[in-house]
């Protein structure tokens, strides 16, 4: 049998293949499509409010009655100090002027207008809606939340980018650990927003496999049967794919963004904090070049909230130079078939060619 069955049995799915959450790219339709392929769909809830969380869970349930994961951000929220207020104002002015110089008129929010949500209200909403699989990133859940979710019979999937983070997750009783390789697109799941461990994903996976005893999902660079087989041989029992689904029918990316994917080159892809204040892997553009090494980057989530209107304006203008287009290092054809067909093709390739 090609597929390890530890994770699929635990999650109640046919194949241990997980659709990456990808907040802003994935949709409820993509989650449902993944479940139809026998995989685990991941509903990206990021740091939404409790009401928004409930609404998206209920919408997803109208599209599928199969298991899916609710994915949340468990980041630290920095205290608002006078220094942060001052830096926010300067950053806001700089980015508005930068946008204007490139013919984008946008009014970014004042600090007082920003609403920052704690994940704790999401935990309560998820329990209320009886979601039995929760994945999370940017840190670890606090002990009380872990206890509440466990008492509700919830399976917990934490994200790590280092052995130290994996051991923290294991010690706190997390059921499954997703090892995110540095190759992965989008935001790094690292606990420390300012520190990136410079180790390749395959080396990291092998190292963590030797030191922890919970089942491992691997994310980062999986785009065909060969790459999936490679991480399976290194100990992964689950396989998370996101880059493979970026241009799918259910993706929220607009046509101009999908077109940019089809033209991307290796040297275009980089890690940047410029859009959100946390490192994320995406496509280089004029905005990143102007902001990345400047003093105008606020801590997450304030940079992310500040630049949201700019990214929306860039989308409306079909301007890839000011849109955050997240992408992993494994460049491929970026199929525009449905996510269900893409995942079924991956599964078939694994079973037919490698099984």
C-alpha atoms as a PDB file:
ATOM      1  CA  UNK A   1       0.000   0.000   0.000  1.00  0.00           C
ATOM      2  CA  UNK A   2       1.452   3.371  -1.021  1.00  0.00           C
ATOM      3  CA  UNK A   3      -0.295   5.575   1.543  1.00  0.00           C
ATOM      4  CA  UNK A   4       0.549   5.569   5.258  1.00  0.00           C
ATOM      5  CA  UNK A   5      -2.764   5.243   7.090  1.00  0.00           C
ATOM      6  CA  UNK A   6      -2.075   6.613  10.584  1.00  0.00           C
ATOM      7  CA  UNK A   7      -3.228  10.162   9.791  1.00  0.00           C
ATOM      8  CA  UNK A   8      -6.044   9.223   7.412  1.00  0.00           C
ATOM      9  CA  UNK A   9      -7.575   6.923  10.036  1.00  0.00           C
ATOM     10  CA  UNK A  10      -7.215   9.555  12.746  1.00  0.00           C
ATOM     11  CA  UNK A  11      -8.849  12.244  10.595  1.00  0.00           C
ATOM     12  CA  UNK A  12     -11.478  10.059   8.930  1.00  0.00           C
ATOM     13  CA  UNK A  13     -10.294  10.712   5.371  1.00  0.00           C
ATOM     14  CA  UNK A  14      -9.424   8.409   2.495  1.00  0.00           C
ATOM     15  CA  UNK A  15      -5.961   9.790   1.677  1.00  0.00           C
ATOM     16  CA  UNK A  16      -3.482  11.584   4.005  1.00  0.00           C
ATOM     17  CA  UNK A  17      -3.318  14.561   1.635  1.00  0.00           C
ATOM     18  CA  UNK A  18      -4.141  17.977   3.059  1.00  0.00           C
ATOM     19  CA  UNK A  19      -5.184  21.078   1.132  1.00  0.00           C
ATOM     20  CA  UNK A  20      -3.180  23.949   2.606  1.00  0.00           C
ATOM     21  CA  UNK A  21      -5.284  26.682   4.273  1.00  0.00           C
ATOM     22  CA  UNK A  22      -3.867  29.649   2.259  1.00  0.00           C
ATOM     23  CA  UNK A  23      -5.961  32.491   3.679  1.00  0.00           C
ATOM     24  CA  UNK A  24      -6.922  34.853   0.850  1.00  0.00           C
ATOM     25  CA  UNK A  25      -6.429  32.166  -1.807  1.00  0.00           C
ATOM     26  CA  UNK A  26      -8.447  29.177  -0.674  1.00  0.00           C
ATOM     27  CA  UNK A  27     -12.240  29.306  -0.610  1.00  0.00           C
ATOM     28  CA  UNK A  28     -15.046  27.263   0.890  1.00  0.00           C
ATOM     29  CA  UNK A  29     -15.445  25.754  -2.598  1.00  0.00           C
ATOM     30  CA  UNK A  30     -11.781  24.653  -2.546  1.00  0.00           C
ATOM     31  CA  UNK A  31     -12.268  23.023   0.858  1.00  0.00           C
ATOM     32  CA  UNK A  32     -15.262  21.100  -0.452  1.00  0.00           C
ATOM     33  CA  UNK A  33     -13.388  20.103  -3.618  1.00  0.00           C
ATOM     34  CA  UNK A  34     -10.540  18.690  -1.516  1.00  0.00           C
ATOM     35  CA  UNK A  35     -12.958  16.609   0.521  1.00  0.00           C
ATOM     36  CA  UNK A  36     -14.526  15.213  -2.668  1.00  0.00           C
ATOM     37  CA  UNK A  37     -11.065  14.003  -3.671  1.00  0.00           C
ATOM     38  CA  UNK A  38     -10.864  12.031  -0.426  1.00  0.00           C
ATOM     39  CA  UNK A  39      -8.435  14.527   1.117  1.00  0.00           C
ATOM     40  CA  UNK A  40      -8.605  16.875   4.101  1.00  0.00           C
ATOM     41  CA  UNK A  41      -9.848  20.329   3.202  1.00  0.00           C
ATOM     42  CA  UNK A  42      -8.576  23.220   5.345  1.00  0.00           C
ATOM     43  CA  UNK A  43     -10.872  26.173   6.005  1.00  0.00           C
ATOM     44  CA  UNK A  44      -8.666  29.259   6.400  1.00  0.00           C
ATOM     45  CA  UNK A  45     -10.044  31.363   9.265  1.00  0.00           C
ATOM     46  CA  UNK A  46      -6.852  33.309  10.032  1.00  0.00           C
ATOM     47  CA  UNK A  47      -7.678  35.915  12.703  1.00  0.00           C
ATOM     48  CA  UNK A  48     -11.309  36.499  11.750  1.00  0.00           C
ATOM     49  CA  UNK A  49     -13.978  37.357  14.310  1.00  0.00           C
ATOM     50  CA  UNK A  50     -16.109  34.705  15.974  1.00  0.00           C
ATOM     51  CA  UNK A  51     -19.110  35.667  13.821  1.00  0.00           C
ATOM     52  CA  UNK A  52     -17.089  35.419  10.608  1.00  0.00           C
ATOM     53  CA  UNK A  53     -15.675  32.084  11.777  1.00  0.00           C
ATOM     54  CA  UNK A  54     -19.143  30.659  12.384  1.00  0.00           C
ATOM     55  CA  UNK A  55     -20.435  31.944   9.043  1.00  0.00           C
ATOM     56  CA  UNK A  56     -17.599  30.323   7.055  1.00  0.00           C
ATOM     57  CA  UNK A  57     -17.903  27.009   8.899  1.00  0.00           C
ATOM     58  CA  UNK A  58     -21.626  26.911   8.176  1.00  0.00           C
ATOM     59  CA  UNK A  59     -21.098  27.887   4.532  1.00  0.00           C
ATOM     60  CA  UNK A  60     -18.569  25.064   4.137  1.00  0.00           C
ATOM     61  CA  UNK A  61     -21.015  22.592   5.641  1.00  0.00           C
ATOM     62  CA  UNK A  62     -23.547  23.460   2.957  1.00  0.00           C
ATOM     63  CA  UNK A  63     -20.967  22.278   0.397  1.00  0.00           C
ATOM     64  CA  UNK A  64     -19.657  19.112   2.062  1.00  0.00           C
ATOM     65  CA  UNK A  65     -20.575  16.720   4.847  1.00  0.00           C
ATOM     66  CA  UNK A  66     -17.058  15.270   4.942  1.00  0.00           C
ATOM     67  CA  UNK A  67     -14.329  16.133   7.498  1.00  0.00           C
ATOM     68  CA  UNK A  68     -12.395  19.382   7.107  1.00  0.00           C
ATOM     69  CA  UNK A  69     -10.011  21.320   9.363  1.00  0.00           C
ATOM     70  CA  UNK A  70     -10.647  24.780  10.778  1.00  0.00           C
ATOM     71  CA  UNK A  71      -7.332  26.652  10.532  1.00  0.00           C
ATOM     72  CA  UNK A  72      -6.552  29.627  12.785  1.00  0.00           C
ATOM     73  CA  UNK A  73      -3.675  32.009  13.547  1.00  0.00           C
ATOM     74  CA  UNK A  74      -2.376  31.886  17.128  1.00  0.00           C
ATOM     75  CA  UNK A  75      -0.023  34.854  16.913  1.00  0.00           C
ATOM     76  CA  UNK A  76       1.078  37.157  19.714  1.00  0.00           C
ATOM     77  CA  UNK A  77      -0.564  40.603  19.594  1.00  0.00           C
ATOM     78  CA  UNK A  78       1.977  43.368  20.362  1.00  0.00           C
ATOM     79  CA  UNK A  79       1.073  46.058  22.874  1.00  0.00           C
ATOM     80  CA  UNK A  80       0.202  49.451  21.432  1.00  0.00           C
ATOM     81  CA  UNK A  81       2.852  51.846  22.726  1.00  0.00           C
ATOM     82  CA  UNK A  82       3.671  55.463  21.873  1.00  0.00           C
ATOM     83  CA  UNK A  83       6.572  54.191  19.788  1.00  0.00           C
ATOM     84  CA  UNK A  84       4.249  51.896  17.823  1.00  0.00           C
ATOM     85  CA  UNK A  85       1.758  54.730  17.290  1.00  0.00           C
ATOM     86  CA  UNK A  86       4.511  56.962  15.925  1.00  0.00           C
ATOM     87  CA  UNK A  87       5.910  54.264  13.634  1.00  0.00           C
ATOM     88  CA  UNK A  88       2.418  53.366  12.411  1.00  0.00           C
ATOM     89  CA  UNK A  89       1.732  56.961  11.329  1.00  0.00           C
ATOM     90  CA  UNK A  90       5.070  57.236   9.501  1.00  0.00           C
ATOM     91  CA  UNK A  91       4.574  53.866   7.794  1.00  0.00           C
ATOM     92  CA  UNK A  92       1.037  54.783   6.748  1.00  0.00           C
ATOM     93  CA  UNK A  93       2.202  58.057   5.210  1.00  0.00           C
ATOM     94  CA  UNK A  94       5.120  56.416   3.414  1.00  0.00           C
ATOM     95  CA  UNK A  95       3.003  53.652   1.857  1.00  0.00           C
ATOM     96  CA  UNK A  96       0.220  56.039   0.815  1.00  0.00           C
ATOM     97  CA  UNK A  97       2.795  58.267  -0.905  1.00  0.00           C
ATOM     98  CA  UNK A  98       4.470  55.256  -2.540  1.00  0.00           C
ATOM     99  CA  UNK A  99       1.110  54.098  -3.878  1.00  0.00           C
ATOM    100  CA  UNK A 100       0.270  57.570  -5.179  1.00  0.00           C
ATOM    101  CA  UNK A 101       3.585  57.719  -7.059  1.00  0.00           C
ATOM    102  CA  UNK A 102       2.481  54.555  -8.849  1.00  0.00           C
ATOM    103  CA  UNK A 103      -1.010  55.914  -9.628  1.00  0.00           C
ATOM    104  CA  UNK A 104      -2.832  54.079  -6.836  1.00  0.00           C
ATOM    105  CA  UNK A 105      -5.008  56.342  -4.709  1.00  0.00           C
ATOM    106  CA  UNK A 106      -5.719  54.615  -1.421  1.00  0.00           C
ATOM    107  CA  UNK A 107      -6.611  55.731   2.106  1.00  0.00           C
ATOM    108  CA  UNK A 108      -5.052  53.393   4.624  1.00  0.00           C
ATOM    109  CA  UNK A 109      -6.693  53.010   8.056  1.00  0.00           C
ATOM    110  CA  UNK A 110      -5.613  54.926  11.141  1.00  0.00           C
ATOM    111  CA  UNK A 111      -4.385  52.770  14.015  1.00  0.00           C
ATOM    112  CA  UNK A 112      -7.573  53.477  15.976  1.00  0.00           C
ATOM    113  CA  UNK A 113      -9.671  52.019  13.148  1.00  0.00           C
ATOM    114  CA  UNK A 114      -7.947  48.640  13.189  1.00  0.00           C
ATOM    115  CA  UNK A 115      -9.679  45.711  14.892  1.00  0.00           C
ATOM    116  CA  UNK A 116      -7.334  42.984  16.068  1.00  0.00           C
ATOM    117  CA  UNK A 117      -8.932  39.682  17.080  1.00  0.00           C
ATOM    118  CA  UNK A 118      -7.621  37.149  19.568  1.00  0.00           C
ATOM    119  CA  UNK A 119      -7.906  33.493  18.566  1.00  0.00           C
ATOM    120  CA  UNK A 120      -9.622  32.634  21.850  1.00  0.00           C
ATOM    121  CA  UNK A 121     -13.055  33.706  20.620  1.00  0.00           C
ATOM    122  CA  UNK A 122     -12.477  31.586  17.504  1.00  0.00           C
ATOM    123  CA  UNK A 123     -11.790  28.547  19.697  1.00  0.00           C
ATOM    124  CA  UNK A 124     -15.160  29.025  21.384  1.00  0.00           C
ATOM    125  CA  UNK A 125     -16.880  29.429  18.006  1.00  0.00           C
ATOM    126  CA  UNK A 126     -15.225  26.283  16.640  1.00  0.00           C
ATOM    127  CA  UNK A 127     -16.335  24.283  19.674  1.00  0.00           C
ATOM    128  CA  UNK A 128     -19.844  25.715  19.305  1.00  0.00           C
ATOM    129  CA  UNK A 129     -19.939  24.576  15.677  1.00  0.00           C
ATOM    130  CA  UNK A 130     -18.558  21.138  16.601  1.00  0.00           C
ATOM    131  CA  UNK A 131     -15.551  21.222  14.278  1.00  0.00           C
ATOM    132  CA  UNK A 132     -13.526  18.191  15.289  1.00  0.00           C
ATOM    133  CA  UNK A 133     -10.253  19.040  13.493  1.00  0.00           C
ATOM    134  CA  UNK A 134      -8.356  22.269  14.214  1.00  0.00           C
ATOM    135  CA  UNK A 135      -5.035  23.235  12.652  1.00  0.00           C
ATOM    136  CA  UNK A 136      -3.107  26.329  13.636  1.00  0.00           C
ATOM    137  CA  UNK A 137       0.028  28.317  12.853  1.00  0.00           C
ATOM    138  CA  UNK A 138       2.279  31.170  14.095  1.00  0.00           C
ATOM    139  CA  UNK A 139       2.724  29.598  17.529  1.00  0.00           C
ATOM    140  CA  UNK A 140       1.102  27.200  19.988  1.00  0.00           C
ATOM    141  CA  UNK A 141      -2.313  27.312  21.584  1.00  0.00           C
ATOM    142  CA  UNK A 142      -2.382  28.222  25.251  1.00  0.00           C
ATOM    143  CA  UNK A 143      -2.966  25.391  27.741  1.00  0.00           C
ATOM    144  CA  UNK A 144      -6.569  26.387  28.491  1.00  0.00           C
ATOM    145  CA  UNK A 145      -7.533  26.366  24.805  1.00  0.00           C
ATOM    146  CA  UNK A 146      -5.868  22.988  24.291  1.00  0.00           C
ATOM    147  CA  UNK A 147      -7.812  21.591  27.234  1.00  0.00           C
ATOM    148  CA  UNK A 148     -11.140  23.011  26.000  1.00  0.00           C
ATOM    149  CA  UNK A 149     -10.635  21.623  22.500  1.00  0.00           C
ATOM    150  CA  UNK A 150      -9.469  18.232  23.758  1.00  0.00           C
ATOM    151  CA  UNK A 151     -12.499  17.957  26.038  1.00  0.00           C
ATOM    152  CA  UNK A 152     -14.606  18.552  22.930  1.00  0.00           C
ATOM    153  CA  UNK A 153     -12.914  15.609  21.178  1.00  0.00           C
ATOM    154  CA  UNK A 154     -10.993  17.857  18.782  1.00  0.00           C
ATOM    155  CA  UNK A 155      -7.900  16.628  16.924  1.00  0.00           C
ATOM    156  CA  UNK A 156      -5.193  19.305  16.987  1.00  0.00           C
ATOM    157  CA  UNK A 157      -2.655  19.913  14.198  1.00  0.00           C
ATOM    158  CA  UNK A 158       0.127  22.386  15.020  1.00  0.00           C
ATOM    159  CA  UNK A 159       2.650  23.909  12.614  1.00  0.00           C
ATOM    160  CA  UNK A 160       6.400  23.970  13.226  1.00  0.00           C
ATOM    161  CA  UNK A 161       9.433  25.263  11.340  1.00  0.00           C
ATOM    162  CA  UNK A 162      12.111  23.891  13.692  1.00  0.00           C
ATOM    163  CA  UNK A 163      12.819  20.954  15.994  1.00  0.00           C
ATOM    164  CA  UNK A 164      12.401  23.197  19.034  1.00  0.00           C
ATOM    165  CA  UNK A 165       8.900  24.212  17.916  1.00  0.00           C
ATOM    166  CA  UNK A 166       8.001  20.573  17.166  1.00  0.00           C
ATOM    167  CA  UNK A 167       9.061  19.530  20.671  1.00  0.00           C
ATOM    168  CA  UNK A 168       6.998  22.324  22.228  1.00  0.00           C
ATOM    169  CA  UNK A 169       3.944  21.139  20.290  1.00  0.00           C
ATOM    170  CA  UNK A 170       4.513  17.495  21.202  1.00  0.00           C
ATOM    171  CA  UNK A 171       5.019  18.279  24.892  1.00  0.00           C
ATOM    172  CA  UNK A 172       1.743  20.233  25.015  1.00  0.00           C
ATOM    173  CA  UNK A 173      -0.239  17.266  23.657  1.00  0.00           C
ATOM    174  CA  UNK A 174      -0.779  18.305  20.035  1.00  0.00           C
ATOM    175  CA  UNK A 175      -1.962  15.237  18.082  1.00  0.00           C
ATOM    176  CA  UNK A 176      -0.301  15.833  14.694  1.00  0.00           C
ATOM    177  CA  UNK A 177       2.516  18.166  13.692  1.00  0.00           C
ATOM    178  CA  UNK A 178       2.784  19.843  10.298  1.00  0.00           C
ATOM    179  CA  UNK A 179       6.446  20.423   9.443  1.00  0.00           C
ATOM    180  CA  UNK A 180       6.609  23.469   7.181  1.00  0.00           C
ATOM    181  CA  UNK A 181       9.672  23.481   4.972  1.00  0.00           C
ATOM    182  CA  UNK A 182      11.291  26.759   4.027  1.00  0.00           C
ATOM    183  CA  UNK A 183      10.258  26.022   0.413  1.00  0.00           C
ATOM    184  CA  UNK A 184       6.566  26.533   1.239  1.00  0.00           C
ATOM    185  CA  UNK A 185       4.664  29.461  -0.216  1.00  0.00           C
ATOM    186  CA  UNK A 186       2.873  32.044   1.870  1.00  0.00           C
ATOM    187  CA  UNK A 187       3.520  32.849   5.509  1.00  0.00           C
ATOM    188  CA  UNK A 188       6.081  31.028   7.594  1.00  0.00           C
ATOM    189  CA  UNK A 189       4.500  29.242  10.536  1.00  0.00           C
ATOM    190  CA  UNK A 190       7.406  30.111  12.819  1.00  0.00           C
ATOM    191  CA  UNK A 191       6.660  30.976  16.448  1.00  0.00           C
ATOM    192  CA  UNK A 192       9.103  33.914  16.363  1.00  0.00           C
ATOM    193  CA  UNK A 193       8.056  36.304  13.603  1.00  0.00           C
ATOM    194  CA  UNK A 194      11.555  37.802  13.380  1.00  0.00           C
ATOM    195  CA  UNK A 195      13.576  34.585  13.121  1.00  0.00           C
ATOM    196  CA  UNK A 196      13.809  32.245  10.137  1.00  0.00           C
ATOM    197  CA  UNK A 197      15.693  28.989  10.576  1.00  0.00           C
ATOM    198  CA  UNK A 198      17.885  28.596   7.498  1.00  0.00           C
ATOM    199  CA  UNK A 199      17.438  24.854   6.946  1.00  0.00           C
ATOM    200  CA  UNK A 200      15.951  23.076   3.945  1.00  0.00           C
ATOM    201  CA  UNK A 201      12.636  21.338   4.406  1.00  0.00           C
ATOM    202  CA  UNK A 202      13.836  17.808   3.710  1.00  0.00           C
ATOM    203  CA  UNK A 203      16.661  18.092   6.244  1.00  0.00           C
ATOM    204  CA  UNK A 204      14.254  19.583   8.772  1.00  0.00           C
ATOM    205  CA  UNK A 205      11.667  16.836   8.262  1.00  0.00           C
ATOM    206  CA  UNK A 206      14.240  14.066   8.671  1.00  0.00           C
ATOM    207  CA  UNK A 207      15.640  15.689  11.819  1.00  0.00           C
ATOM    208  CA  UNK A 208      12.219  16.143  13.424  1.00  0.00           C
ATOM    209  CA  UNK A 209      11.183  12.582  12.517  1.00  0.00           C
ATOM    210  CA  UNK A 210      14.163  11.294  14.510  1.00  0.00           C
ATOM    211  CA  UNK A 211      13.209  13.267  17.639  1.00  0.00           C
ATOM    212  CA  UNK A 212       9.409  13.337  18.027  1.00  0.00           C
ATOM    213  CA  UNK A 213       6.846  10.581  18.337  1.00  0.00           C
ATOM    214  CA  UNK A 214       3.671  12.095  16.898  1.00  0.00           C
ATOM    215  CA  UNK A 215       2.584  11.684  13.243  1.00  0.00           C
ATOM    216  CA  UNK A 216       4.057  14.274  10.870  1.00  0.00           C
ATOM    217  CA  UNK A 217       2.517  16.119   7.939  1.00  0.00           C
ATOM    218  CA  UNK A 218       4.999  17.773   5.595  1.00  0.00           C
ATOM    219  CA  UNK A 219       4.358  21.040   3.733  1.00  0.00           C
ATOM    220  CA  UNK A 220       6.698  22.709   1.266  1.00  0.00           C
ATOM    221  CA  UNK A 221       7.541  21.899  -2.331  1.00  0.00           C
ATOM    222  CA  UNK A 222       5.156  18.976  -2.923  1.00  0.00           C
ATOM    223  CA  UNK A 223       3.773  19.339  -6.442  1.00  0.00           C
ATOM    224  CA  UNK A 224       3.930  15.870  -8.016  1.00  0.00           C
ATOM    225  CA  UNK A 225       4.302  12.172  -7.185  1.00  0.00           C
ATOM    226  CA  UNK A 226       8.101  12.293  -6.997  1.00  0.00           C
ATOM    227  CA  UNK A 227       8.230  15.107  -4.452  1.00  0.00           C
ATOM    228  CA  UNK A 228       5.514  13.450  -2.383  1.00  0.00           C
ATOM    229  CA  UNK A 229       7.379  10.142  -2.411  1.00  0.00           C
ATOM    230  CA  UNK A 230      10.568  11.890  -1.289  1.00  0.00           C
ATOM    231  CA  UNK A 231       8.998  13.293   1.866  1.00  0.00           C
ATOM    232  CA  UNK A 232       7.202   9.999   2.515  1.00  0.00           C
ATOM    233  CA  UNK A 233      10.581   8.242   2.511  1.00  0.00           C
ATOM    234  CA  UNK A 234      11.832  10.777   5.064  1.00  0.00           C
ATOM    235  CA  UNK A 235       9.053   9.977   7.510  1.00  0.00           C
ATOM    236  CA  UNK A 236       6.059  12.105   6.574  1.00  0.00           C
ATOM    237  CA  UNK A 237       2.722  10.370   7.066  1.00  0.00           C
ATOM    238  CA  UNK A 238       0.678  13.253   5.700  1.00  0.00           C
ATOM    239  CA  UNK A 239       1.255  15.545   2.721  1.00  0.00           C
ATOM    240  CA  UNK A 240       0.103  19.166   2.564  1.00  0.00           C
ATOM    241  CA  UNK A 241      -0.188  20.847  -0.826  1.00  0.00           C
ATOM    242  CA  UNK A 242      -0.951  24.491  -1.539  1.00  0.00           C
ATOM    243  CA  UNK A 243       1.218  25.717  -4.398  1.00  0.00           C
ATOM    244  CA  UNK A 244      -0.300  22.979  -6.565  1.00  0.00           C
ATOM    245  CA  UNK A 245      -3.763  24.534  -6.130  1.00  0.00           C
ATOM    246  CA  UNK A 246      -3.000  28.234  -6.610  1.00  0.00           C
ATOM    247  CA  UNK A 247      -4.488  28.498 -10.114  1.00  0.00           C
ATOM    248  CA  UNK A 248      -7.304  25.994  -9.611  1.00  0.00           C
ATOM    249  CA  UNK A 249     -10.909  26.818 -10.481  1.00  0.00           C
ATOM    250  CA  UNK A 250     -11.730  27.329  -6.817  1.00  0.00           C
ATOM    251  CA  UNK A 251      -8.781  29.624  -6.091  1.00  0.00           C
ATOM    252  CA  UNK A 252      -9.616  33.197  -5.113  1.00  0.00           C
ATOM    253  CA  UNK A 253      -6.745  34.513  -7.243  1.00  0.00           C
ATOM    254  CA  UNK A 254      -7.882  36.764 -10.081  1.00  0.00           C
ATOM    255  CA  UNK A 255      -6.968  36.052 -13.730  1.00  0.00           C
ATOM    256  CA  UNK A 256      -4.099  38.598 -13.757  1.00  0.00           C
ATOM    257  CA  UNK A 257      -2.612  36.936 -10.651  1.00  0.00           C
ATOM    258  CA  UNK A 258      -2.880  33.483 -12.201  1.00  0.00           C
ATOM    259  CA  UNK A 259      -1.229  34.844 -15.333  1.00  0.00           C
ATOM    260  CA  UNK A 260       1.664  36.089 -13.176  1.00  0.00           C
ATOM    261  CA  UNK A 261       2.083  32.542 -11.818  1.00  0.00           C
ATOM    262  CA  UNK A 262       2.442  31.163 -15.331  1.00  0.00           C
ATOM    263  CA  UNK A 263       5.295  33.602 -16.031  1.00  0.00           C
ATOM    264  CA  UNK A 264       7.182  33.314 -12.743  1.00  0.00           C
ATOM    265  CA  UNK A 265      10.909  32.520 -12.650  1.00  0.00           C
ATOM    266  CA  UNK A 266      13.056  31.140  -9.840  1.00  0.00           C
ATOM    267  CA  UNK A 267      14.698  34.499  -9.175  1.00  0.00           C
ATOM    268  CA  UNK A 268      11.285  36.176  -8.739  1.00  0.00           C
ATOM    269  CA  UNK A 269      10.454  34.231  -5.565  1.00  0.00           C
ATOM    270  CA  UNK A 270      11.561  35.497  -2.163  1.00  0.00           C
ATOM    271  CA  UNK A 271      10.751  35.777   1.537  1.00  0.00           C
ATOM    272  CA  UNK A 272       9.417  39.161   2.591  1.00  0.00           C
ATOM    273  CA  UNK A 273       7.962  40.877   5.659  1.00  0.00           C
ATOM    274  CA  UNK A 274       6.874  43.967   3.713  1.00  0.00           C
ATOM    275  CA  UNK A 275       3.169  43.196   3.357  1.00  0.00           C
ATOM    276  CA  UNK A 276       2.331  41.705   6.746  1.00  0.00           C
ATOM    277  CA  UNK A 277       5.194  42.085   9.216  1.00  0.00           C
ATOM    278  CA  UNK A 278       5.777  38.308   9.151  1.00  0.00           C
ATOM    279  CA  UNK A 279       7.954  36.463   6.672  1.00  0.00           C
ATOM    280  CA  UNK A 280       6.014  35.098   3.702  1.00  0.00           C
ATOM    281  CA  UNK A 281       7.232  33.597   0.425  1.00  0.00           C
ATOM    282  CA  UNK A 282       5.888  35.289  -2.677  1.00  0.00           C
ATOM    283  CA  UNK A 283       6.647  37.027  -5.958  1.00  0.00           C
ATOM    284  CA  UNK A 284       8.940  40.047  -5.901  1.00  0.00           C
ATOM    285  CA  UNK A 285       7.466  43.343  -7.090  1.00  0.00           C
ATOM    286  CA  UNK A 286       7.901  47.123  -6.866  1.00  0.00           C
ATOM    287  CA  UNK A 287       6.164  47.387  -3.494  1.00  0.00           C
ATOM    288  CA  UNK A 288       8.432  44.761  -1.899  1.00  0.00           C
ATOM    289  CA  UNK A 289      11.542  46.386  -3.384  1.00  0.00           C
ATOM    290  CA  UNK A 290      10.562  49.748  -1.881  1.00  0.00           C
ATOM    291  CA  UNK A 291       9.552  48.530   1.583  1.00  0.00           C
ATOM    292  CA  UNK A 292      11.454  45.339   2.450  1.00  0.00           C
ATOM    293  CA  UNK A 293      14.692  46.880   3.692  1.00  0.00           C
ATOM    294  CA  UNK A 294      13.159  50.114   4.929  1.00  0.00           C
ATOM    295  CA  UNK A 295      12.086  51.295   8.379  1.00  0.00           C
ATOM    296  CA  UNK A 296       8.445  51.055   7.293  1.00  0.00           C
ATOM    297  CA  UNK A 297       7.530  47.567   8.485  1.00  0.00           C
ATOM    298  CA  UNK A 298       5.320  47.240  11.560  1.00  0.00           C
ATOM    299  CA  UNK A 299       4.999  44.102  13.670  1.00  0.00           C
ATOM    300  CA  UNK A 300       2.330  41.600  12.660  1.00  0.00           C
ATOM    301  CA  UNK A 301      -0.655  41.977  12.558  1.00  0.00           C
ATOM    302  CA  UNK A 302      -0.475  45.774  12.263  1.00  0.00           C
ATOM    303  CA  UNK A 303       1.473  45.819   8.980  1.00  0.00           C
ATOM    304  CA  UNK A 304      -0.952  43.256   7.583  1.00  0.00           C
ATOM    305  CA  UNK A 305      -4.010  45.296   8.582  1.00  0.00           C
ATOM    306  CA  UNK A 306      -2.427  48.508   7.316  1.00  0.00           C
ATOM    307  CA  UNK A 307      -1.633  47.178   3.837  1.00  0.00           C
ATOM    308  CA  UNK A 308      -4.905  45.319   3.315  1.00  0.00           C
ATOM    309  CA  UNK A 309      -6.578  48.245   1.553  1.00  0.00           C
ATOM    310  CA  UNK A 310      -3.533  48.700  -0.691  1.00  0.00           C
ATOM    311  CA  UNK A 311      -3.647  45.056  -1.762  1.00  0.00           C
ATOM    312  CA  UNK A 312      -7.377  45.343  -2.492  1.00  0.00           C
ATOM    313  CA  UNK A 313      -6.796  48.474  -4.559  1.00  0.00           C
ATOM    314  CA  UNK A 314      -4.014  46.747  -6.513  1.00  0.00           C
ATOM    315  CA  UNK A 315      -6.329  43.814  -7.224  1.00  0.00           C
ATOM    316  CA  UNK A 316      -9.068  46.124  -8.480  1.00  0.00           C
ATOM    317  CA  UNK A 317      -6.534  47.763 -10.821  1.00  0.00           C
ATOM    318  CA  UNK A 318      -5.069  44.368 -11.825  1.00  0.00           C
ATOM    319  CA  UNK A 319      -1.678  45.668 -10.741  1.00  0.00           C
ATOM    320  CA  UNK A 320       0.665  42.814  -9.701  1.00  0.00           C
ATOM    321  CA  UNK A 321       3.317  45.294  -8.542  1.00  0.00           C
ATOM    322  CA  UNK A 322       1.348  46.118  -5.366  1.00  0.00           C
ATOM    323  CA  UNK A 323      -0.481  42.833  -4.787  1.00  0.00           C
ATOM    324  CA  UNK A 324       0.869  40.128  -2.499  1.00  0.00           C
ATOM    325  CA  UNK A 325       1.016  36.981  -4.637  1.00  0.00           C
ATOM    326  CA  UNK A 326       2.210  34.130  -2.424  1.00  0.00           C
ATOM    327  CA  UNK A 327       3.953  31.195  -4.066  1.00  0.00           C
ATOM    328  CA  UNK A 328       6.243  28.307  -3.102  1.00  0.00           C
ATOM    329  CA  UNK A 329       9.645  27.500  -4.575  1.00  0.00           C
ATOM    330  CA  UNK A 330       8.481  24.557  -6.710  1.00  0.00           C
ATOM    331  CA  UNK A 331       7.546  26.104 -10.061  1.00  0.00           C
ATOM    332  CA  UNK A 332       5.201  23.979 -12.181  1.00  0.00           C
ATOM    333  CA  UNK A 333       2.387  24.355 -14.730  1.00  0.00           C
ATOM    334  CA  UNK A 334      -0.191  25.765 -12.284  1.00  0.00           C
ATOM    335  CA  UNK A 335      -3.185  23.824 -13.526  1.00  0.00           C
ATOM    336  CA  UNK A 336      -6.502  25.666 -13.771  1.00  0.00           C
ATOM    337  CA  UNK A 337      -8.557  22.493 -13.397  1.00  0.00           C
ATOM    338  CA  UNK A 338     -10.694  22.064 -10.300  1.00  0.00           C
ATOM    339  CA  UNK A 339      -8.888  21.353  -7.030  1.00  0.00           C
ATOM    340  CA  UNK A 340     -10.693  18.007  -6.942  1.00  0.00           C
ATOM    341  CA  UNK A 341      -9.233  16.978 -10.310  1.00  0.00           C
ATOM    342  CA  UNK A 342      -5.747  18.247  -9.431  1.00  0.00           C
ATOM    343  CA  UNK A 343      -5.682  16.287  -6.181  1.00  0.00           C
ATOM    344  CA  UNK A 344      -7.129  13.140  -7.760  1.00  0.00           C
ATOM    345  CA  UNK A 345      -4.437  13.334 -10.451  1.00  0.00           C
ATOM    346  CA  UNK A 346      -1.725  13.608  -7.790  1.00  0.00           C
ATOM    347  CA  UNK A 347      -3.159  10.603  -5.941  1.00  0.00           C
ATOM    348  CA  UNK A 348      -3.397   8.571  -9.153  1.00  0.00           C
ATOM    349  CA  UNK A 349       0.216   9.408 -10.081  1.00  0.00           C
ATOM    350  CA  UNK A 350       1.416   8.281  -6.671  1.00  0.00           C
ATOM    351  CA  UNK A 351      -0.469   4.996  -6.802  1.00  0.00           C
ATOM    352  CA  UNK A 352       0.134   4.210 -10.460  1.00  0.00           C
ATOM    353  CA  UNK A 353       3.787   5.216 -10.826  1.00  0.00           C
ATOM    354  CA  UNK A 354       5.130   4.760  -7.335  1.00  0.00           C
ATOM    355  CA  UNK A 355       2.761   2.333  -5.590  1.00  0.00           C
END
